[in-house]
Amino acid sequence: MYRSLQLVLAGLIAMVFGLSALSRRFPDVAWLQAFRYDPPRLSQEQRARMRRRANIHAGIELILVGIVLPMLYVAVTVMFFNDFTTTATALVVTGSLLCISLGLTAIWRNRRS
C-alpha cells in the first residue's frame, strides 16, 4: 500500500513538472498557463544586495572552516592513535590561517564597496 502511494505521488509530481515545462513551451495554450511559474524579477539593487550578503556568508564560512580545521586534525589524530607530526601540523595551521585570512578579506572588501 505504501509503495503504491509513493508511486502515485511521484507520478503526480512528474506530471506537474511536465505540464510546467509544456506551459513554457506552448504559451498560446490557455489551460497550460495555470501550471506556469514565473519567478519574481529582481531589481539591480536587490541583486547587488543579495550578492553582498552571499559574499559575507562565504567569508563567514571560510572563517569557520579555518577554526574547525585544527580541531578536526586533533580529533582525527587522537581517534586513530597517531602521532602529531610537524609537517601535518604546519600544513593544518597554514590552511587554517589561509582560510581565516581569505574570509576576513572577503568580508572586508564587501564592506568597503
N, C-alpha and C. Protein backbone atom coordinates (compact mmCIF):
# COMPACT_ATOMS: atom_id res chain seq x y z
N MET A 1 0.83 -1.20 0.00
CA MET A 1 0.00 0.00 0.00
C MET A 1 0.87 1.26 0.00
N TYR A 2 1.88 1.27 0.88
CA TYR A 2 2.74 2.44 1.00
C TYR A 2 3.55 2.66 -0.27
N ARG A 3 4.03 1.58 -0.87
CA ARG A 3 4.82 1.68 -2.09
C ARG A 3 3.98 2.20 -3.25
N SER A 4 2.74 1.75 -3.34
CA SER A 4 1.88 2.23 -4.43
C SER A 4 1.52 3.71 -4.23
N LEU A 5 1.36 4.14 -2.99
CA LEU A 5 1.10 5.55 -2.71
C LEU A 5 2.30 6.40 -3.12
N GLN A 6 3.50 5.92 -2.85
CA GLN A 6 4.71 6.64 -3.27
C GLN A 6 4.77 6.75 -4.79
N LEU A 7 4.45 5.68 -5.48
CA LEU A 7 4.48 5.71 -6.94
C LEU A 7 3.45 6.67 -7.51
N VAL A 8 2.27 6.71 -6.92
CA VAL A 8 1.22 7.63 -7.39
C VAL A 8 1.66 9.07 -7.17
N LEU A 9 2.20 9.37 -5.98
CA LEU A 9 2.65 10.73 -5.70
C LEU A 9 3.81 11.13 -6.61
N ALA A 10 4.74 10.23 -6.85
CA ALA A 10 5.86 10.53 -7.75
C ALA A 10 5.34 10.77 -9.17
N GLY A 11 4.37 10.00 -9.59
CA GLY A 11 3.78 10.22 -10.91
C GLY A 11 3.08 11.56 -11.01
N LEU A 12 2.36 11.96 -9.96
CA LEU A 12 1.69 13.27 -9.97
C LEU A 12 2.71 14.41 -10.01
N ILE A 13 3.77 14.28 -9.25
CA ILE A 13 4.80 15.32 -9.25
C ILE A 13 5.46 15.41 -10.62
N ALA A 14 5.76 14.28 -11.21
CA ALA A 14 6.37 14.27 -12.54
C ALA A 14 5.42 14.89 -13.57
N MET A 15 4.13 14.63 -13.43
CA MET A 15 3.16 15.18 -14.36
C MET A 15 3.07 16.70 -14.22
N VAL A 16 3.11 17.22 -13.00
CA VAL A 16 3.07 18.66 -12.79
C VAL A 16 4.32 19.32 -13.37
N PHE A 17 5.49 18.71 -13.17
CA PHE A 17 6.72 19.26 -13.77
C PHE A 17 6.64 19.23 -15.29
N GLY A 18 6.11 18.16 -15.83
CA GLY A 18 5.95 18.08 -17.28
C GLY A 18 5.00 19.13 -17.82
N LEU A 19 3.87 19.33 -17.13
CA LEU A 19 2.93 20.36 -17.56
C LEU A 19 3.52 21.75 -17.43
N SER A 20 4.37 21.95 -16.42
CA SER A 20 5.03 23.24 -16.27
C SER A 20 5.99 23.49 -17.42
N ALA A 21 6.73 22.47 -17.82
CA ALA A 21 7.64 22.62 -18.97
C ALA A 21 6.85 22.86 -20.25
N LEU A 22 5.73 22.16 -20.40
CA LEU A 22 4.90 22.38 -21.60
C LEU A 22 4.27 23.77 -21.62
N SER A 23 3.97 24.32 -20.45
CA SER A 23 3.37 25.66 -20.42
C SER A 23 4.35 26.72 -20.89
N ARG A 24 5.64 26.51 -20.63
CA ARG A 24 6.64 27.45 -21.15
C ARG A 24 6.87 27.23 -22.64
N ARG A 25 6.73 26.00 -23.09
CA ARG A 25 6.98 25.68 -24.50
C ARG A 25 5.83 26.16 -25.38
N PHE A 26 4.61 26.07 -24.87
CA PHE A 26 3.43 26.47 -25.63
C PHE A 26 2.67 27.57 -24.88
N PRO A 27 3.11 28.82 -24.99
CA PRO A 27 2.44 29.89 -24.24
C PRO A 27 1.06 30.25 -24.78
N ASP A 28 0.71 29.76 -25.96
CA ASP A 28 -0.60 30.09 -26.53
C ASP A 28 -1.71 29.16 -26.05
N VAL A 29 -1.41 28.08 -25.35
CA VAL A 29 -2.42 27.17 -24.82
C VAL A 29 -2.84 27.69 -23.45
N ALA A 30 -4.09 28.13 -23.35
CA ALA A 30 -4.54 28.85 -22.15
C ALA A 30 -4.57 27.96 -20.90
N TRP A 31 -5.06 26.74 -21.02
CA TRP A 31 -5.20 25.91 -19.83
C TRP A 31 -3.86 25.45 -19.27
N LEU A 32 -2.81 25.46 -20.09
CA LEU A 32 -1.48 25.10 -19.59
C LEU A 32 -0.86 26.21 -18.74
N GLN A 33 -1.33 27.45 -18.92
CA GLN A 33 -0.73 28.56 -18.20
C GLN A 33 -1.00 28.51 -16.70
N ALA A 34 -1.94 27.68 -16.28
CA ALA A 34 -2.16 27.50 -14.84
C ALA A 34 -0.97 26.80 -14.18
N PHE A 35 -0.19 26.07 -14.96
CA PHE A 35 0.96 25.34 -14.42
C PHE A 35 2.27 26.11 -14.59
N ARG A 36 2.20 27.31 -15.13
CA ARG A 36 3.41 28.09 -15.40
C ARG A 36 3.84 28.82 -14.13
N TYR A 37 5.15 28.79 -13.89
CA TYR A 37 5.71 29.51 -12.75
C TYR A 37 6.74 30.51 -13.27
N ASP A 38 6.48 31.78 -13.02
CA ASP A 38 7.42 32.82 -13.38
C ASP A 38 7.98 33.40 -12.09
N PRO A 39 9.27 33.21 -11.85
CA PRO A 39 9.85 33.77 -10.62
C PRO A 39 9.81 35.29 -10.67
N PRO A 40 9.75 35.91 -9.50
CA PRO A 40 9.69 37.38 -9.49
C PRO A 40 11.00 37.98 -10.02
N ARG A 41 10.87 39.07 -10.75
CA ARG A 41 12.04 39.76 -11.30
C ARG A 41 12.62 40.68 -10.23
N LEU A 42 13.93 40.60 -10.05
CA LEU A 42 14.59 41.41 -9.05
C LEU A 42 15.24 42.61 -9.71
N SER A 43 15.23 43.72 -8.98
CA SER A 43 15.89 44.92 -9.49
C SER A 43 17.41 44.76 -9.32
N GLN A 44 18.15 45.66 -9.95
CA GLN A 44 19.61 45.62 -9.85
C GLN A 44 20.06 45.84 -8.41
N GLU A 45 19.35 46.69 -7.69
CA GLU A 45 19.69 46.95 -6.29
C GLU A 45 19.49 45.69 -5.43
N GLN A 46 18.40 44.97 -5.65
CA GLN A 46 18.15 43.75 -4.90
C GLN A 46 19.18 42.68 -5.23
N ARG A 47 19.57 42.58 -6.51
CA ARG A 47 20.61 41.63 -6.89
C ARG A 47 21.93 41.97 -6.24
N ALA A 48 22.28 43.25 -6.21
CA ALA A 48 23.53 43.66 -5.58
C ALA A 48 23.50 43.37 -4.08
N ARG A 49 22.37 43.60 -3.44
CA ARG A 49 22.24 43.32 -2.01
C ARG A 49 22.38 41.82 -1.74
N MET A 50 21.77 41.00 -2.59
CA MET A 50 21.89 39.55 -2.43
C MET A 50 23.33 39.09 -2.66
N ARG A 51 24.01 39.69 -3.62
CA ARG A 51 25.40 39.34 -3.90
C ARG A 51 26.29 39.70 -2.71
N ARG A 52 26.07 40.89 -2.13
CA ARG A 52 26.86 41.29 -0.96
C ARG A 52 26.61 40.35 0.21
N ARG A 53 25.36 40.00 0.42
CA ARG A 53 25.01 39.09 1.52
C ARG A 53 25.65 37.72 1.30
N ALA A 54 25.66 37.24 0.07
CA ALA A 54 26.27 35.95 -0.24
C ALA A 54 27.78 36.01 -0.02
N ASN A 55 28.40 37.13 -0.35
CA ASN A 55 29.84 37.27 -0.11
C ASN A 55 30.16 37.27 1.38
N ILE A 56 29.32 37.90 2.17
CA ILE A 56 29.53 37.90 3.62
C ILE A 56 29.37 36.49 4.17
N HIS A 57 28.37 35.78 3.71
CA HIS A 57 28.16 34.40 4.18
C HIS A 57 29.33 33.51 3.78
N ALA A 58 29.86 33.70 2.58
CA ALA A 58 31.02 32.91 2.15
C ALA A 58 32.23 33.22 3.02
N GLY A 59 32.42 34.49 3.37
CA GLY A 59 33.52 34.87 4.25
C GLY A 59 33.38 34.24 5.63
N ILE A 60 32.17 34.24 6.16
CA ILE A 60 31.93 33.62 7.47
C ILE A 60 32.19 32.12 7.40
N GLU A 61 31.77 31.49 6.32
CA GLU A 61 32.02 30.05 6.17
C GLU A 61 33.51 29.75 6.10
N LEU A 62 34.27 30.57 5.40
CA LEU A 62 35.72 30.36 5.33
C LEU A 62 36.36 30.53 6.71
N ILE A 63 35.91 31.50 7.47
CA ILE A 63 36.45 31.68 8.82
C ILE A 63 36.12 30.47 9.69
N LEU A 64 34.90 29.97 9.59
CA LEU A 64 34.53 28.79 10.38
C LEU A 64 35.33 27.55 9.97
N VAL A 65 35.59 27.40 8.67
CA VAL A 65 36.43 26.28 8.22
C VAL A 65 37.82 26.42 8.80
N GLY A 66 38.35 27.64 8.83
CA GLY A 66 39.67 27.88 9.39
C GLY A 66 39.73 27.58 10.88
N ILE A 67 38.62 27.78 11.58
CA ILE A 67 38.59 27.48 13.02
C ILE A 67 38.43 25.98 13.26
N VAL A 68 37.62 25.32 12.46
CA VAL A 68 37.31 23.90 12.67
C VAL A 68 38.45 22.99 12.20
N LEU A 69 39.22 23.43 11.22
CA LEU A 69 40.27 22.59 10.63
C LEU A 69 41.27 22.06 11.67
N PRO A 70 41.83 22.89 12.55
CA PRO A 70 42.75 22.33 13.56
C PRO A 70 42.07 21.38 14.53
N MET A 71 40.82 21.70 14.90
CA MET A 71 40.09 20.81 15.80
C MET A 71 39.86 19.45 15.17
N LEU A 72 39.53 19.47 13.90
CA LEU A 72 39.32 18.22 13.17
C LEU A 72 40.61 17.42 13.08
N TYR A 73 41.72 18.10 12.83
CA TYR A 73 43.02 17.42 12.76
C TYR A 73 43.35 16.75 14.09
N VAL A 74 43.13 17.47 15.18
CA VAL A 74 43.41 16.89 16.50
C VAL A 74 42.49 15.71 16.77
N ALA A 75 41.22 15.84 16.46
CA ALA A 75 40.26 14.77 16.72
C ALA A 75 40.60 13.52 15.92
N VAL A 76 40.93 13.68 14.64
CA VAL A 76 41.25 12.52 13.80
C VAL A 76 42.56 11.88 14.24
N THR A 77 43.54 12.70 14.59
CA THR A 77 44.82 12.16 15.03
C THR A 77 44.67 11.36 16.32
N VAL A 78 43.92 11.87 17.26
CA VAL A 78 43.71 11.16 18.53
C VAL A 78 42.85 9.92 18.31
N MET A 79 41.85 10.02 17.46
CA MET A 79 40.93 8.91 17.25
C MET A 79 41.63 7.71 16.62
N PHE A 80 42.59 7.97 15.73
CA PHE A 80 43.30 6.87 15.09
C PHE A 80 44.62 6.53 15.76
N PHE A 81 44.86 7.06 16.95
CA PHE A 81 46.05 6.79 17.75
C PHE A 81 47.34 7.08 16.98
N ASN A 82 47.35 8.17 16.24
CA ASN A 82 48.54 8.58 15.51
C ASN A 82 49.30 9.64 16.29
N ASP A 83 50.53 9.87 15.87
CA ASP A 83 51.33 10.92 16.49
C ASP A 83 51.16 12.21 15.69
N PHE A 84 51.31 13.32 16.39
CA PHE A 84 51.27 14.61 15.72
C PHE A 84 52.62 14.84 15.05
N THR A 85 52.60 15.08 13.75
CA THR A 85 53.84 15.34 13.03
C THR A 85 53.98 16.83 12.77
N THR A 86 55.20 17.26 12.65
CA THR A 86 55.46 18.68 12.42
C THR A 86 54.94 19.12 11.06
N THR A 87 55.13 18.29 10.06
CA THR A 87 54.69 18.64 8.70
C THR A 87 53.17 18.78 8.64
N ALA A 88 52.47 17.82 9.19
CA ALA A 88 51.00 17.85 9.16
C ALA A 88 50.47 19.03 9.97
N THR A 89 51.08 19.28 11.12
CA THR A 89 50.65 20.40 11.95
C THR A 89 50.88 21.73 11.22
N ALA A 90 52.01 21.85 10.55
CA ALA A 90 52.31 23.07 9.79
C ALA A 90 51.32 23.25 8.64
N LEU A 91 50.99 22.17 7.96
CA LEU A 91 50.01 22.25 6.87
C LEU A 91 48.63 22.66 7.39
N VAL A 92 48.23 22.10 8.51
CA VAL A 92 46.91 22.43 9.07
C VAL A 92 46.88 23.87 9.53
N VAL A 93 47.92 24.33 10.19
CA VAL A 93 47.96 25.72 10.66
C VAL A 93 48.00 26.68 9.47
N THR A 94 48.76 26.34 8.44
CA THR A 94 48.82 27.18 7.24
C THR A 94 47.46 27.24 6.55
N GLY A 95 46.83 26.10 6.39
CA GLY A 95 45.50 26.06 5.78
C GLY A 95 44.48 26.82 6.60
N SER A 96 44.56 26.68 7.91
CA SER A 96 43.64 27.39 8.78
C SER A 96 43.82 28.90 8.68
N LEU A 97 45.06 29.35 8.73
CA LEU A 97 45.32 30.78 8.62
C LEU A 97 44.92 31.31 7.24
N LEU A 98 45.13 30.52 6.21
CA LEU A 98 44.73 30.92 4.87
C LEU A 98 43.22 31.08 4.77
N CYS A 99 42.48 30.11 5.31
CA CYS A 99 41.01 30.20 5.26
C CYS A 99 40.50 31.40 6.06
N ILE A 100 41.07 31.62 7.24
CA ILE A 100 40.64 32.75 8.06
C ILE A 100 40.96 34.07 7.37
N SER A 101 42.16 34.18 6.80
CA SER A 101 42.52 35.43 6.13
C SER A 101 41.67 35.67 4.88
N LEU A 102 41.38 34.61 4.12
CA LEU A 102 40.51 34.77 2.95
C LEU A 102 39.10 35.19 3.36
N GLY A 103 38.60 34.62 4.44
CA GLY A 103 37.28 35.00 4.93
C GLY A 103 37.23 36.44 5.38
N LEU A 104 38.26 36.86 6.13
CA LEU A 104 38.30 38.25 6.57
C LEU A 104 38.45 39.21 5.39
N THR A 105 39.24 38.81 4.40
CA THR A 105 39.41 39.64 3.20
C THR A 105 38.09 39.77 2.45
N ALA A 106 37.36 38.68 2.32
CA ALA A 106 36.07 38.73 1.62
C ALA A 106 35.10 39.65 2.34
N ILE A 107 35.05 39.56 3.65
CA ILE A 107 34.13 40.42 4.40
C ILE A 107 34.60 41.87 4.33
N TRP A 108 35.92 42.11 4.45
CA TRP A 108 36.44 43.47 4.41
C TRP A 108 36.18 44.15 3.06
N ARG A 109 36.46 43.44 1.99
CA ARG A 109 36.23 44.02 0.66
C ARG A 109 34.75 44.26 0.40
N ASN A 110 33.92 43.40 0.93
CA ASN A 110 32.49 43.56 0.72
C ASN A 110 31.95 44.76 1.51
N ARG A 111 32.48 45.00 2.66
CA ARG A 111 32.01 46.13 3.49
C ARG A 111 32.47 47.46 2.92
N ARG A 112 33.63 47.47 2.25
CA ARG A 112 34.16 48.73 1.70
C ARG A 112 33.40 49.17 0.47
N SER A 113 32.88 48.22 -0.29
CA SER A 113 32.21 48.61 -1.55
C SER A 113 30.73 48.84 -1.37
